[in-house]
Amino acid sequence: FGALGGMAQKRLLLDLGFAAIETFGLVMAVFSAVVLVREEVESRTLALILSRPVRRLEYLAGRYAGLVIALGLLLLMLSLIHAGLLVANGADLDWRHVAVFGLTWLKLAVISSLALALSLFSTSTESAVTFSLVLWALGHFNQELRFLAEKSPTILVRWGILLATWITPDLAVFNLRDTWDAVPSLGVVAQWLSVSVAYAAAYVAAALGVASLLFARKEL
């Protein structure tokens, strides 16, 4: 790709690197979150864990926290490799690289919480993974879906699309890399990060709340 890019080799390395890091993180986040609880429920090992003084909410929170930490370590390793490749090719690093790392971590934390809730709602691992990936894709077009709902002449279609936008996370909040050249200052990025952290915290809390309700009703 670098050879095809010619003069844009550094930009190709930048964009493809960010995309690859996010893709690897997405695969790990979705599959790990879906399998995390389902396997222990199906193998009956979860009953042994919950026989101790551990509440179901504490179990879910611990599993989720472990997954988010693992995702952070994966992203850190891949980001360091990416930074090394950029430096080796003469690219300059700045604070935007750190911001993209943090925003990607927040994005994966959000989709992990959603995938965990879907794993407790769905009847199979395959359906939970599929729904998670579909909502991940839709999450990048949340604003477009709202615009489509406003223009829809049918009330049922309009409310159906709006319902999808309420369930689907607005992942455009975390896409600093899509506006890489349009970010004017560190202050703007700091404000962007604060909004993203607040949004991610609210969405994760809601998703884990739903997951906790579903888990409380699940027979082990």
N, C-alpha and C. Protein backbone atom coordinates (compact mmCIF):
# COMPACT_ATOMS: atom_id res chain seq x y z
N PHE A 1 0.83 -1.21 0.00
CA PHE A 1 0.00 0.00 0.00
C PHE A 1 0.87 1.26 0.00
N GLY A 2 1.98 1.19 0.72
CA GLY A 2 2.87 2.34 0.75
C GLY A 2 3.44 2.62 -0.63
N ALA A 3 3.80 1.55 -1.36
CA ALA A 3 4.33 1.72 -2.72
C ALA A 3 3.28 2.31 -3.65
N LEU A 4 2.03 1.88 -3.49
CA LEU A 4 0.96 2.41 -4.32
C LEU A 4 0.66 3.86 -3.98
N GLY A 5 0.88 4.22 -2.72
CA GLY A 5 0.54 5.56 -2.28
C GLY A 5 1.49 6.63 -2.78
N GLY A 6 2.71 6.26 -3.13
CA GLY A 6 3.66 7.25 -3.62
C GLY A 6 3.99 8.28 -2.57
N MET A 7 3.68 9.54 -2.83
CA MET A 7 3.98 10.62 -1.91
C MET A 7 3.12 10.57 -0.65
N ALA A 8 2.01 9.85 -0.72
CA ALA A 8 1.11 9.77 0.43
C ALA A 8 1.40 8.55 1.29
N GLN A 9 2.62 8.04 1.25
CA GLN A 9 2.96 6.82 1.97
C GLN A 9 2.76 6.97 3.48
N LYS A 10 3.19 8.12 4.02
CA LYS A 10 3.05 8.32 5.47
C LYS A 10 1.58 8.39 5.87
N ARG A 11 0.78 9.05 5.06
CA ARG A 11 -0.65 9.15 5.39
C ARG A 11 -1.33 7.79 5.29
N LEU A 12 -0.94 6.99 4.29
CA LEU A 12 -1.49 5.64 4.17
C LEU A 12 -1.13 4.80 5.38
N LEU A 13 0.13 4.89 5.81
CA LEU A 13 0.57 4.15 6.98
C LEU A 13 -0.19 4.59 8.22
N LEU A 14 -0.46 5.89 8.32
CA LEU A 14 -1.21 6.41 9.45
C LEU A 14 -2.64 5.87 9.46
N ASP A 15 -3.34 6.03 8.34
CA ASP A 15 -4.74 5.64 8.28
C ASP A 15 -4.93 4.13 8.37
N LEU A 16 -4.13 3.38 7.61
CA LEU A 16 -4.26 1.92 7.64
C LEU A 16 -3.86 1.35 9.00
N GLY A 17 -2.89 1.99 9.64
CA GLY A 17 -2.49 1.55 10.97
C GLY A 17 -3.62 1.72 11.98
N PHE A 18 -4.25 2.90 11.98
CA PHE A 18 -5.37 3.14 12.88
C PHE A 18 -6.52 2.16 12.61
N ALA A 19 -6.80 1.92 11.31
CA ALA A 19 -7.88 1.01 10.95
C ALA A 19 -7.58 -0.41 11.40
N ALA A 20 -6.33 -0.85 11.23
CA ALA A 20 -5.94 -2.20 11.63
C ALA A 20 -6.03 -2.37 13.14
N ILE A 21 -5.57 -1.37 13.88
CA ILE A 21 -5.63 -1.43 15.35
C ILE A 21 -7.08 -1.55 15.81
N GLU A 22 -7.94 -0.73 15.22
CA GLU A 22 -9.35 -0.75 15.62
C GLU A 22 -10.01 -2.08 15.25
N THR A 23 -9.64 -2.64 14.10
CA THR A 23 -10.23 -3.91 13.67
C THR A 23 -9.82 -5.05 14.59
N PHE A 24 -8.52 -5.14 14.91
CA PHE A 24 -8.06 -6.16 15.85
C PHE A 24 -8.75 -6.01 17.20
N GLY A 25 -8.86 -4.78 17.66
CA GLY A 25 -9.53 -4.53 18.94
C GLY A 25 -10.99 -4.92 18.90
N LEU A 26 -11.66 -4.62 17.78
CA LEU A 26 -13.08 -4.97 17.65
C LEU A 26 -13.29 -6.47 17.71
N VAL A 27 -12.47 -7.23 17.00
CA VAL A 27 -12.60 -8.70 17.01
C VAL A 27 -12.43 -9.24 18.42
N MET A 28 -11.41 -8.77 19.12
CA MET A 28 -11.19 -9.23 20.48
C MET A 28 -12.32 -8.82 21.41
N ALA A 29 -12.77 -7.57 21.26
CA ALA A 29 -13.82 -7.05 22.15
C ALA A 29 -15.12 -7.83 22.01
N VAL A 30 -15.57 -8.00 20.78
CA VAL A 30 -16.87 -8.64 20.55
C VAL A 30 -16.83 -10.11 20.94
N PHE A 31 -15.87 -10.85 20.43
CA PHE A 31 -15.83 -12.28 20.71
C PHE A 31 -15.57 -12.57 22.18
N SER A 32 -14.69 -11.79 22.80
CA SER A 32 -14.41 -12.01 24.22
C SER A 32 -15.62 -11.67 25.08
N ALA A 33 -16.29 -10.56 24.77
CA ALA A 33 -17.45 -10.15 25.56
C ALA A 33 -18.60 -11.15 25.43
N VAL A 34 -18.80 -11.68 24.23
CA VAL A 34 -19.89 -12.63 24.01
C VAL A 34 -19.60 -13.96 24.69
N VAL A 35 -18.36 -14.42 24.56
CA VAL A 35 -18.01 -15.75 25.11
C VAL A 35 -17.78 -15.68 26.61
N LEU A 36 -17.47 -14.48 27.11
CA LEU A 36 -17.05 -14.28 28.49
C LEU A 36 -17.95 -15.00 29.50
N VAL A 37 -19.24 -14.74 29.44
CA VAL A 37 -20.18 -15.28 30.41
C VAL A 37 -20.87 -16.53 29.88
N ARG A 38 -21.14 -16.57 28.58
CA ARG A 38 -21.90 -17.69 28.01
C ARG A 38 -21.22 -19.03 28.26
N GLU A 39 -19.90 -19.08 28.10
CA GLU A 39 -19.20 -20.35 28.28
C GLU A 39 -19.28 -20.83 29.73
N GLU A 40 -19.16 -19.91 30.67
CA GLU A 40 -19.22 -20.31 32.07
C GLU A 40 -20.64 -20.70 32.49
N VAL A 41 -21.65 -20.08 31.85
CA VAL A 41 -23.03 -20.47 32.11
C VAL A 41 -23.29 -21.87 31.56
N GLU A 42 -22.86 -22.10 30.31
CA GLU A 42 -23.12 -23.39 29.67
C GLU A 42 -22.32 -24.52 30.29
N SER A 43 -21.11 -24.23 30.77
CA SER A 43 -20.30 -25.28 31.39
C SER A 43 -20.60 -25.47 32.87
N ARG A 44 -21.48 -24.66 33.41
CA ARG A 44 -21.92 -24.74 34.82
C ARG A 44 -20.83 -24.35 35.81
N THR A 45 -19.71 -23.82 35.35
CA THR A 45 -18.68 -23.39 36.29
C THR A 45 -19.06 -22.10 37.00
N LEU A 46 -20.00 -21.37 36.43
CA LEU A 46 -20.44 -20.12 37.03
C LEU A 46 -21.16 -20.35 38.35
N ALA A 47 -21.89 -21.47 38.43
CA ALA A 47 -22.60 -21.78 39.67
C ALA A 47 -21.63 -21.92 40.84
N LEU A 48 -20.45 -22.48 40.56
CA LEU A 48 -19.44 -22.63 41.61
C LEU A 48 -18.92 -21.27 42.06
N ILE A 49 -18.74 -20.36 41.12
CA ILE A 49 -18.25 -19.02 41.46
C ILE A 49 -19.28 -18.27 42.29
N LEU A 50 -20.55 -18.35 41.88
CA LEU A 50 -21.61 -17.61 42.57
C LEU A 50 -22.03 -18.26 43.88
N SER A 51 -21.56 -19.48 44.13
CA SER A 51 -21.86 -20.11 45.42
C SER A 51 -21.07 -19.44 46.55
N ARG A 52 -20.04 -18.70 46.17
CA ARG A 52 -19.28 -17.92 47.15
C ARG A 52 -19.96 -16.57 47.33
N PRO A 53 -19.51 -15.77 48.30
CA PRO A 53 -20.15 -14.46 48.52
C PRO A 53 -19.83 -13.46 47.40
N VAL A 54 -20.25 -13.79 46.19
CA VAL A 54 -20.05 -12.92 45.03
C VAL A 54 -21.41 -12.70 44.37
N ARG A 55 -21.84 -11.46 44.31
CA ARG A 55 -23.11 -11.16 43.67
C ARG A 55 -22.95 -11.17 42.16
N ARG A 56 -24.07 -11.35 41.47
CA ARG A 56 -24.02 -11.43 40.01
C ARG A 56 -23.52 -10.13 39.39
N LEU A 57 -23.93 -9.00 39.95
CA LEU A 57 -23.48 -7.72 39.43
C LEU A 57 -21.97 -7.57 39.60
N GLU A 58 -21.45 -8.01 40.74
CA GLU A 58 -20.01 -7.94 40.98
C GLU A 58 -19.25 -8.84 40.00
N TYR A 59 -19.82 -10.01 39.72
CA TYR A 59 -19.20 -10.92 38.77
C TYR A 59 -19.13 -10.29 37.37
N LEU A 60 -20.25 -9.71 36.92
CA LEU A 60 -20.29 -9.07 35.61
C LEU A 60 -19.31 -7.90 35.53
N ALA A 61 -19.33 -7.08 36.57
CA ALA A 61 -18.44 -5.91 36.59
C ALA A 61 -16.98 -6.33 36.56
N GLY A 62 -16.64 -7.39 37.29
CA GLY A 62 -15.26 -7.87 37.31
C GLY A 62 -14.83 -8.42 35.96
N ARG A 63 -15.71 -9.21 35.35
CA ARG A 63 -15.40 -9.75 34.02
C ARG A 63 -15.25 -8.63 32.99
N TYR A 64 -16.12 -7.67 33.06
CA TYR A 64 -16.06 -6.56 32.11
C TYR A 64 -14.79 -5.73 32.33
N ALA A 65 -14.47 -5.45 33.57
CA ALA A 65 -13.26 -4.67 33.86
C ALA A 65 -12.01 -5.39 33.36
N GLY A 66 -11.97 -6.71 33.55
CA GLY A 66 -10.83 -7.48 33.06
C GLY A 66 -10.70 -7.41 31.55
N LEU A 67 -11.85 -7.46 30.86
CA LEU A 67 -11.83 -7.37 29.40
C LEU A 67 -11.34 -5.99 28.94
N VAL A 68 -11.82 -4.94 29.57
CA VAL A 68 -11.43 -3.58 29.18
C VAL A 68 -9.93 -3.36 29.41
N ILE A 69 -9.40 -3.90 30.51
CA ILE A 69 -7.96 -3.79 30.77
C ILE A 69 -7.16 -4.54 29.71
N ALA A 70 -7.63 -5.74 29.36
CA ALA A 70 -6.95 -6.52 28.31
C ALA A 70 -6.98 -5.79 26.97
N LEU A 71 -8.11 -5.16 26.66
CA LEU A 71 -8.20 -4.38 25.42
C LEU A 71 -7.23 -3.20 25.46
N GLY A 72 -7.11 -2.57 26.61
CA GLY A 72 -6.18 -1.46 26.73
C GLY A 72 -4.74 -1.89 26.49
N LEU A 73 -4.36 -3.05 27.03
CA LEU A 73 -3.00 -3.56 26.83
C LEU A 73 -2.76 -3.92 25.37
N LEU A 74 -3.77 -4.52 24.72
CA LEU A 74 -3.65 -4.85 23.30
C LEU A 74 -3.48 -3.58 22.46
N LEU A 75 -4.31 -2.58 22.72
CA LEU A 75 -4.22 -1.33 21.97
C LEU A 75 -2.88 -0.63 22.22
N LEU A 76 -2.39 -0.68 23.45
CA LEU A 76 -1.12 -0.05 23.76
C LEU A 76 0.01 -0.71 22.98
N MET A 77 0.02 -2.04 22.94
CA MET A 77 1.05 -2.76 22.21
C MET A 77 1.00 -2.43 20.71
N LEU A 78 -0.20 -2.49 20.14
CA LEU A 78 -0.34 -2.20 18.71
C LEU A 78 -0.03 -0.74 18.39
N SER A 79 -0.40 0.16 19.29
CA SER A 79 -0.12 1.58 19.06
C SER A 79 1.37 1.87 19.10
N LEU A 80 2.10 1.20 19.98
CA LEU A 80 3.55 1.38 20.04
C LEU A 80 4.22 0.87 18.77
N ILE A 81 3.73 -0.27 18.27
CA ILE A 81 4.26 -0.79 17.00
C ILE A 81 3.97 0.19 15.86
N HIS A 82 2.74 0.71 15.85
CA HIS A 82 2.35 1.68 14.82
C HIS A 82 3.20 2.94 14.90
N ALA A 83 3.43 3.43 16.11
CA ALA A 83 4.25 4.63 16.28
C ALA A 83 5.68 4.38 15.81
N GLY A 84 6.20 3.18 16.10
CA GLY A 84 7.54 2.85 15.65
C GLY A 84 7.65 2.82 14.14
N LEU A 85 6.63 2.28 13.47
CA LEU A 85 6.62 2.27 12.00
C LEU A 85 6.55 3.68 11.43
N LEU A 86 5.75 4.53 12.07
CA LEU A 86 5.64 5.91 11.60
C LEU A 86 6.97 6.65 11.73
N VAL A 87 7.62 6.49 12.88
CA VAL A 87 8.90 7.15 13.10
C VAL A 87 9.95 6.62 12.13
N ALA A 88 9.93 5.30 11.90
CA ALA A 88 10.90 4.70 10.97
C ALA A 88 10.73 5.22 9.56
N ASN A 89 9.51 5.66 9.22
CA ASN A 89 9.25 6.19 7.89
C ASN A 89 9.28 7.72 7.84
N GLY A 90 9.79 8.34 8.91
CA GLY A 90 9.99 9.78 8.90
C GLY A 90 8.78 10.61 9.27
N ALA A 91 7.74 9.99 9.82
CA ALA A 91 6.55 10.75 10.22
C ALA A 91 6.74 11.35 11.61
N ASP A 92 6.10 12.48 11.85
CA ASP A 92 6.18 13.13 13.16
C ASP A 92 5.00 12.68 14.02
N LEU A 93 5.28 12.41 15.30
CA LEU A 93 4.23 12.04 16.24
C LEU A 93 3.85 13.27 17.07
N ASP A 94 2.57 13.36 17.43
CA ASP A 94 2.12 14.45 18.29
C ASP A 94 1.00 13.94 19.20
N TRP A 95 0.36 14.87 19.92
CA TRP A 95 -0.64 14.51 20.91
C TRP A 95 -1.88 13.88 20.31
N ARG A 96 -2.10 14.04 19.02
CA ARG A 96 -3.27 13.44 18.39
C ARG A 96 -3.20 11.91 18.40
N HIS A 97 -1.98 11.36 18.33
CA HIS A 97 -1.83 9.90 18.36
C HIS A 97 -2.30 9.35 19.72
N VAL A 98 -1.93 10.05 20.78
CA VAL A 98 -2.36 9.62 22.12
C VAL A 98 -3.88 9.75 22.25
N ALA A 99 -4.44 10.82 21.70
CA ALA A 99 -5.89 11.02 21.76
C ALA A 99 -6.64 9.92 21.01
N VAL A 100 -6.13 9.54 19.83
CA VAL A 100 -6.77 8.47 19.06
C VAL A 100 -6.71 7.16 19.82
N PHE A 101 -5.59 6.89 20.48
CA PHE A 101 -5.47 5.68 21.31
C PHE A 101 -6.55 5.66 22.38
N GLY A 102 -6.71 6.77 23.11
CA GLY A 102 -7.71 6.83 24.17
C GLY A 102 -9.13 6.71 23.64
N LEU A 103 -9.42 7.37 22.54
CA LEU A 103 -10.77 7.33 21.97
C LEU A 103 -11.11 5.94 21.43
N THR A 104 -10.12 5.27 20.83
CA THR A 104 -10.36 3.91 20.35
C THR A 104 -10.63 2.97 21.51
N TRP A 105 -9.92 3.16 22.61
CA TRP A 105 -10.15 2.35 23.81
C TRP A 105 -11.57 2.57 24.33
N LEU A 106 -12.01 3.82 24.37
CA LEU A 106 -13.37 4.12 24.81
C LEU A 106 -14.41 3.49 23.88
N LYS A 107 -14.15 3.56 22.58
CA LYS A 107 -15.07 2.98 21.61
C LYS A 107 -15.20 1.47 21.82
N LEU A 108 -14.09 0.80 22.05
CA LEU A 108 -14.12 -0.65 22.27
C LEU A 108 -14.75 -0.99 23.62
N ALA A 109 -14.57 -0.11 24.61
CA ALA A 109 -15.23 -0.34 25.89
C ALA A 109 -16.75 -0.27 25.74
N VAL A 110 -17.22 0.65 24.90
CA VAL A 110 -18.66 0.78 24.65
C VAL A 110 -19.21 -0.45 23.94
N ILE A 111 -18.54 -0.88 22.87
CA ILE A 111 -19.05 -2.03 22.12
C ILE A 111 -18.93 -3.31 22.94
N SER A 112 -17.96 -3.38 23.85
CA SER A 112 -17.83 -4.56 24.72
C SER A 112 -19.02 -4.66 25.67
N SER A 113 -19.43 -3.54 26.23
CA SER A 113 -20.58 -3.55 27.15
C SER A 113 -21.85 -3.94 26.41
N LEU A 114 -21.99 -3.46 25.17
CA LEU A 114 -23.15 -3.81 24.36
C LEU A 114 -23.14 -5.29 24.00
N ALA A 115 -21.97 -5.80 23.61
CA ALA A 115 -21.85 -7.21 23.26
C ALA A 115 -22.12 -8.11 24.46
N LEU A 116 -21.70 -7.67 25.65
CA LEU A 116 -21.97 -8.44 26.86
C LEU A 116 -23.46 -8.53 27.14
N ALA A 117 -24.17 -7.41 26.97
CA ALA A 117 -25.62 -7.42 27.17
C ALA A 117 -26.31 -8.29 26.13
N LEU A 118 -25.85 -8.22 24.88
CA LEU A 118 -26.45 -9.03 23.82
C LEU A 118 -26.18 -10.51 24.02
N SER A 119 -25.05 -10.85 24.61
CA SER A 119 -24.74 -12.27 24.86
C SER A 119 -25.70 -12.88 25.87
N LEU A 120 -26.21 -12.05 26.79
CA LEU A 120 -27.17 -12.54 27.78
C LEU A 120 -28.60 -12.50 27.26
N PHE A 121 -28.81 -11.73 26.18
CA PHE A 121 -30.14 -11.62 25.59
C PHE A 121 -30.35 -12.64 24.47
N SER A 122 -29.30 -12.90 23.70
CA SER A 122 -29.41 -13.79 22.54
C SER A 122 -29.41 -15.26 22.96
N THR A 123 -29.90 -16.08 22.06
CA THR A 123 -29.99 -17.52 22.35
C THR A 123 -28.75 -18.28 21.89
N SER A 124 -27.87 -17.65 21.13
CA SER A 124 -26.68 -18.33 20.64
C SER A 124 -25.53 -17.34 20.54
N THR A 125 -24.33 -17.89 20.55
CA THR A 125 -23.13 -17.06 20.41
C THR A 125 -23.10 -16.37 19.05
N GLU A 126 -23.49 -17.10 18.02
CA GLU A 126 -23.45 -16.55 16.65
C GLU A 126 -24.35 -15.33 16.51
N SER A 127 -25.57 -15.43 17.05
CA SER A 127 -26.50 -14.30 16.93
C SER A 127 -26.01 -13.10 17.73
N ALA A 128 -25.42 -13.33 18.90
CA ALA A 128 -24.90 -12.23 19.70
C ALA A 128 -23.75 -11.52 18.99
N VAL A 129 -22.86 -12.29 18.37
CA VAL A 129 -21.74 -11.71 17.62
C VAL A 129 -22.27 -10.92 16.42
N THR A 130 -23.24 -11.51 15.72
CA THR A 130 -23.80 -10.84 14.53
C THR A 130 -24.46 -9.53 14.90
N PHE A 131 -25.31 -9.53 15.93
CA PHE A 131 -25.98 -8.31 16.36
C PHE A 131 -24.96 -7.25 16.79
N SER A 132 -23.92 -7.68 17.49
CA SER A 132 -22.90 -6.74 17.95
C SER A 132 -22.20 -6.06 16.78
N LEU A 133 -21.84 -6.85 15.77
CA LEU A 133 -21.16 -6.30 14.60
C LEU A 133 -22.08 -5.39 13.79
N VAL A 134 -23.36 -5.76 13.70
CA VAL A 134 -24.32 -4.91 12.98
C VAL A 134 -24.49 -3.58 13.69
N LEU A 135 -24.61 -3.61 15.01
CA LEU A 135 -24.76 -2.37 15.77
C LEU A 135 -23.48 -1.54 15.74
N TRP A 136 -22.34 -2.21 15.67
CA TRP A 136 -21.07 -1.50 15.50
C TRP A 136 -21.06 -0.72 14.18
N ALA A 137 -21.50 -1.39 13.12
CA ALA A 137 -21.54 -0.72 11.81
C ALA A 137 -22.54 0.43 11.82
N LEU A 138 -23.73 0.20 12.37
CA LEU A 138 -24.74 1.25 12.41
C LEU A 138 -24.31 2.42 13.29
N GLY A 139 -23.50 2.12 14.31
CA GLY A 139 -23.05 3.17 15.22
C GLY A 139 -22.24 4.26 14.56
N HIS A 140 -21.64 3.95 13.41
CA HIS A 140 -20.86 4.95 12.69
C HIS A 140 -21.75 5.84 11.80
N PHE A 141 -23.04 5.50 11.73
CA PHE A 141 -23.98 6.27 10.90
C PHE A 141 -25.19 6.70 11.72
N ASN A 142 -24.97 6.94 13.02
CA ASN A 142 -26.08 7.28 13.90
C ASN A 142 -26.75 8.59 13.48
N GLN A 143 -25.96 9.59 13.16
CA GLN A 143 -26.51 10.89 12.75
C GLN A 143 -27.27 10.77 11.44
N GLU A 144 -26.75 9.96 10.53
CA GLU A 144 -27.43 9.75 9.25
C GLU A 144 -28.78 9.05 9.45
N LEU A 145 -28.81 8.12 10.41
CA LEU A 145 -30.07 7.42 10.70
C LEU A 145 -31.11 8.38 11.29
N ARG A 146 -30.66 9.30 12.13
CA ARG A 146 -31.59 10.29 12.69
C ARG A 146 -32.15 11.19 11.58
N PHE A 147 -31.29 11.57 10.66
CA PHE A 147 -31.73 12.39 9.52
C PHE A 147 -32.74 11.61 8.68
N LEU A 148 -32.47 10.32 8.48
CA LEU A 148 -33.38 9.47 7.71
C LEU A 148 -34.73 9.35 8.41
N ALA A 149 -34.71 9.27 9.76
CA ALA A 149 -35.96 9.18 10.51
C ALA A 149 -36.78 10.45 10.37
N GLU A 150 -36.11 11.61 10.38
CA GLU A 150 -36.82 12.88 10.23
C GLU A 150 -37.48 13.00 8.86
N LYS A 151 -36.86 12.45 7.84
CA LYS A 151 -37.37 12.55 6.48
C LYS A 151 -38.35 11.44 6.12
N SER A 152 -38.49 10.45 7.00
CA SER A 152 -39.38 9.32 6.70
C SER A 152 -40.84 9.75 6.80
N PRO A 153 -41.66 9.44 5.78
CA PRO A 153 -43.07 9.85 5.80
C PRO A 153 -43.96 8.93 6.65
N THR A 154 -43.46 7.75 6.97
CA THR A 154 -44.23 6.76 7.72
C THR A 154 -43.86 6.80 9.19
N ILE A 155 -44.87 6.89 10.05
CA ILE A 155 -44.62 7.00 11.49
C ILE A 155 -43.94 5.75 12.03
N LEU A 156 -44.41 4.58 11.62
CA LEU A 156 -43.83 3.33 12.12
C LEU A 156 -42.36 3.21 11.73
N VAL A 157 -42.07 3.55 10.49
CA VAL A 157 -40.67 3.49 10.04
C VAL A 157 -39.82 4.50 10.81
N ARG A 158 -40.40 5.70 11.00
CA ARG A 158 -39.67 6.75 11.72
C ARG A 158 -39.33 6.31 13.13
N TRP A 159 -40.31 5.78 13.86
CA TRP A 159 -40.06 5.34 15.23
C TRP A 159 -39.17 4.12 15.29
N GLY A 160 -39.27 3.27 14.27
CA GLY A 160 -38.37 2.12 14.22
C GLY A 160 -36.92 2.53 14.06
N ILE A 161 -36.68 3.53 13.20
CA ILE A 161 -35.32 4.02 13.00
C ILE A 161 -34.82 4.74 14.25
N LEU A 162 -35.70 5.53 14.88
CA LEU A 162 -35.31 6.22 16.10
C LEU A 162 -34.98 5.24 17.23
N LEU A 163 -35.74 4.16 17.30
CA LEU A 163 -35.45 3.13 18.31
C LEU A 163 -34.07 2.53 18.07
N ALA A 164 -33.75 2.30 16.81
CA ALA A 164 -32.42 1.78 16.47
C ALA A 164 -31.32 2.75 16.87
N THR A 165 -31.56 4.05 16.70
CA THR A 165 -30.54 5.04 17.07
C THR A 165 -30.38 5.15 18.58
N TRP A 166 -31.45 4.90 19.32
CA TRP A 166 -31.35 4.93 20.79
C TRP A 166 -30.55 3.75 21.32
N ILE A 167 -30.72 2.59 20.69
CA ILE A 167 -30.00 1.39 21.13
C ILE A 167 -28.55 1.44 20.65
N THR A 168 -28.38 1.92 19.43
CA THR A 168 -27.05 1.93 18.81
C THR A 168 -26.18 3.02 19.40
N PRO A 169 -24.95 2.71 19.79
CA PRO A 169 -24.05 3.76 20.29
C PRO A 169 -23.63 4.70 19.17
N ASP A 170 -23.49 5.97 19.48
CA ASP A 170 -23.04 6.96 18.50
C ASP A 170 -21.51 6.94 18.47
N LEU A 171 -20.96 6.07 17.64
CA LEU A 171 -19.51 5.87 17.61
C LEU A 171 -18.76 7.00 16.92
N ALA A 172 -19.50 7.88 16.23
CA ALA A 172 -18.85 9.03 15.61
C ALA A 172 -18.25 9.97 16.66
N VAL A 173 -18.73 9.86 17.89
CA VAL A 173 -18.21 10.68 18.99
C VAL A 173 -16.72 10.40 19.21
N PHE A 174 -16.28 9.17 18.88
CA PHE A 174 -14.91 8.76 19.16
C PHE A 174 -13.98 8.82 17.94
N ASN A 175 -14.49 9.28 16.80
CA ASN A 175 -13.72 9.19 15.55
C ASN A 175 -12.89 10.45 15.28
N LEU A 176 -11.94 10.71 16.15
CA LEU A 176 -11.01 11.81 15.92
C LEU A 176 -10.16 11.57 14.67
N ARG A 177 -9.84 10.31 14.41
CA ARG A 177 -8.96 10.01 13.26
C ARG A 177 -9.62 10.35 11.93
N ASP A 178 -10.96 10.43 11.90
CA ASP A 178 -11.63 10.79 10.66
C ASP A 178 -11.53 12.28 10.35
N THR A 179 -11.19 13.08 11.36
CA THR A 179 -11.01 14.52 11.17
C THR A 179 -9.60 14.92 11.57
N TRP A 180 -8.64 14.10 11.21
CA TRP A 180 -7.25 14.26 11.66
C TRP A 180 -6.69 15.64 11.34
N ASP A 181 -6.89 16.10 10.14
CA ASP A 181 -6.30 17.38 9.72
C ASP A 181 -7.13 18.59 10.11
N ALA A 182 -8.33 18.35 10.65
CA ALA A 182 -9.22 19.47 10.97
C ALA A 182 -9.18 19.85 12.45
N VAL A 183 -8.36 19.16 13.23
CA VAL A 183 -8.27 19.46 14.67
C VAL A 183 -7.29 20.59 14.88
N PRO A 184 -7.75 21.78 15.29
CA PRO A 184 -6.87 22.95 15.33
C PRO A 184 -5.95 23.05 16.55
N SER A 185 -6.37 22.52 17.70
CA SER A 185 -5.56 22.76 18.90
C SER A 185 -5.75 21.65 19.91
N LEU A 186 -4.83 21.64 20.89
CA LEU A 186 -4.90 20.65 21.96
C LEU A 186 -6.14 20.87 22.82
N GLY A 187 -6.57 22.12 22.96
CA GLY A 187 -7.77 22.40 23.75
C GLY A 187 -9.02 21.78 23.16
N VAL A 188 -9.11 21.79 21.83
CA VAL A 188 -10.27 21.16 21.17
C VAL A 188 -10.27 19.66 21.42
N VAL A 189 -9.10 19.05 21.35
CA VAL A 189 -9.00 17.61 21.60
C VAL A 189 -9.35 17.29 23.04
N ALA A 190 -8.90 18.13 23.98
CA ALA A 190 -9.22 17.91 25.39
C ALA A 190 -10.73 17.97 25.62
N GLN A 191 -11.39 18.93 24.98
CA GLN A 191 -12.85 19.02 25.08
C GLN A 191 -13.52 17.81 24.44
N TRP A 192 -13.00 17.37 23.30
CA TRP A 192 -13.52 16.19 22.62
C TRP A 192 -13.40 14.96 23.53
N LEU A 193 -12.24 14.83 24.18
CA LEU A 193 -12.02 13.68 25.07
C LEU A 193 -12.97 13.71 26.26
N SER A 194 -13.21 14.88 26.82
CA SER A 194 -14.10 14.97 27.98
C SER A 194 -15.53 14.57 27.61
N VAL A 195 -16.00 15.03 26.46
CA VAL A 195 -17.33 14.65 25.99
C VAL A 195 -17.40 13.15 25.73
N SER A 196 -16.35 12.61 25.12
CA SER A 196 -16.33 11.18 24.79
C SER A 196 -16.31 10.32 26.04
N VAL A 197 -15.54 10.73 27.04
CA VAL A 197 -15.48 9.98 28.29
C VAL A 197 -16.86 9.96 28.97
N ALA A 198 -17.52 11.12 29.00
CA ALA A 198 -18.85 11.20 29.62
C ALA A 198 -19.85 10.33 28.87
N TYR A 199 -19.81 10.39 27.54
CA TYR A 199 -20.74 9.58 26.74
C TYR A 199 -20.47 8.09 26.94
N ALA A 200 -19.19 7.69 26.91
CA ALA A 200 -18.84 6.29 27.08
C ALA A 200 -19.26 5.78 28.46
N ALA A 201 -19.03 6.59 29.49
CA ALA A 201 -19.41 6.18 30.85
C ALA A 201 -20.91 5.97 30.96
N ALA A 202 -21.69 6.89 30.39
CA ALA A 202 -23.15 6.77 30.45
C ALA A 202 -23.63 5.55 29.68
N TYR A 203 -23.08 5.32 28.49
CA TYR A 203 -23.53 4.17 27.69
C TYR A 203 -23.13 2.85 28.34
N VAL A 204 -21.90 2.77 28.84
CA VAL A 204 -21.44 1.54 29.50
C VAL A 204 -22.28 1.24 30.74
N ALA A 205 -22.58 2.28 31.52
CA ALA A 205 -23.42 2.08 32.71
C ALA A 205 -24.80 1.55 32.33
N ALA A 206 -25.38 2.12 31.27
CA ALA A 206 -26.71 1.66 30.82
C ALA A 206 -26.65 0.23 30.31
N ALA A 207 -25.62 -0.08 29.50
CA ALA A 207 -25.50 -1.43 28.95
C ALA A 207 -25.25 -2.47 30.04
N LEU A 208 -24.40 -2.14 31.00
CA LEU A 208 -24.15 -3.07 32.10
C LEU A 208 -25.37 -3.20 33.01
N GLY A 209 -26.15 -2.12 33.12
CA GLY A 209 -27.40 -2.22 33.88
C GLY A 209 -28.37 -3.19 33.24
N VAL A 210 -28.51 -3.09 31.91
CA VAL A 210 -29.37 -4.04 31.18
C VAL A 210 -28.83 -5.45 31.30
N ALA A 211 -27.50 -5.60 31.16
CA ALA A 211 -26.89 -6.92 31.28
C ALA A 211 -27.12 -7.51 32.67
N SER A 212 -27.06 -6.66 33.70
CA SER A 212 -27.28 -7.13 35.07
C SER A 212 -28.72 -7.62 35.26
N LEU A 213 -29.69 -6.89 34.68
CA LEU A 213 -31.09 -7.32 34.77
C LEU A 213 -31.31 -8.65 34.06
N LEU A 214 -30.72 -8.79 32.89
CA LEU A 214 -30.85 -10.05 32.14
C LEU A 214 -30.17 -11.20 32.88
N PHE A 215 -29.02 -10.91 33.46
CA PHE A 215 -28.26 -11.93 34.18
C PHE A 215 -28.97 -12.37 35.45
N ALA A 216 -29.67 -11.41 36.10
CA ALA A 216 -30.39 -11.74 37.33
C ALA A 216 -31.53 -12.70 37.08
N ARG A 217 -32.12 -12.64 35.87
CA ARG A 217 -33.25 -13.52 35.53
C ARG A 217 -32.81 -14.85 34.92
N LYS A 218 -31.52 -14.98 34.67
CA LYS A 218 -31.02 -16.18 34.00
C LYS A 218 -30.89 -17.33 35.00
N GLU A 219 -31.42 -18.48 34.64
CA GLU A 219 -31.30 -19.66 35.49
C GLU A 219 -29.99 -20.35 35.21
N LEU A 220 -29.24 -20.67 36.27
CA LEU A 220 -27.93 -21.29 36.13
C LEU A 220 -28.01 -22.78 36.46
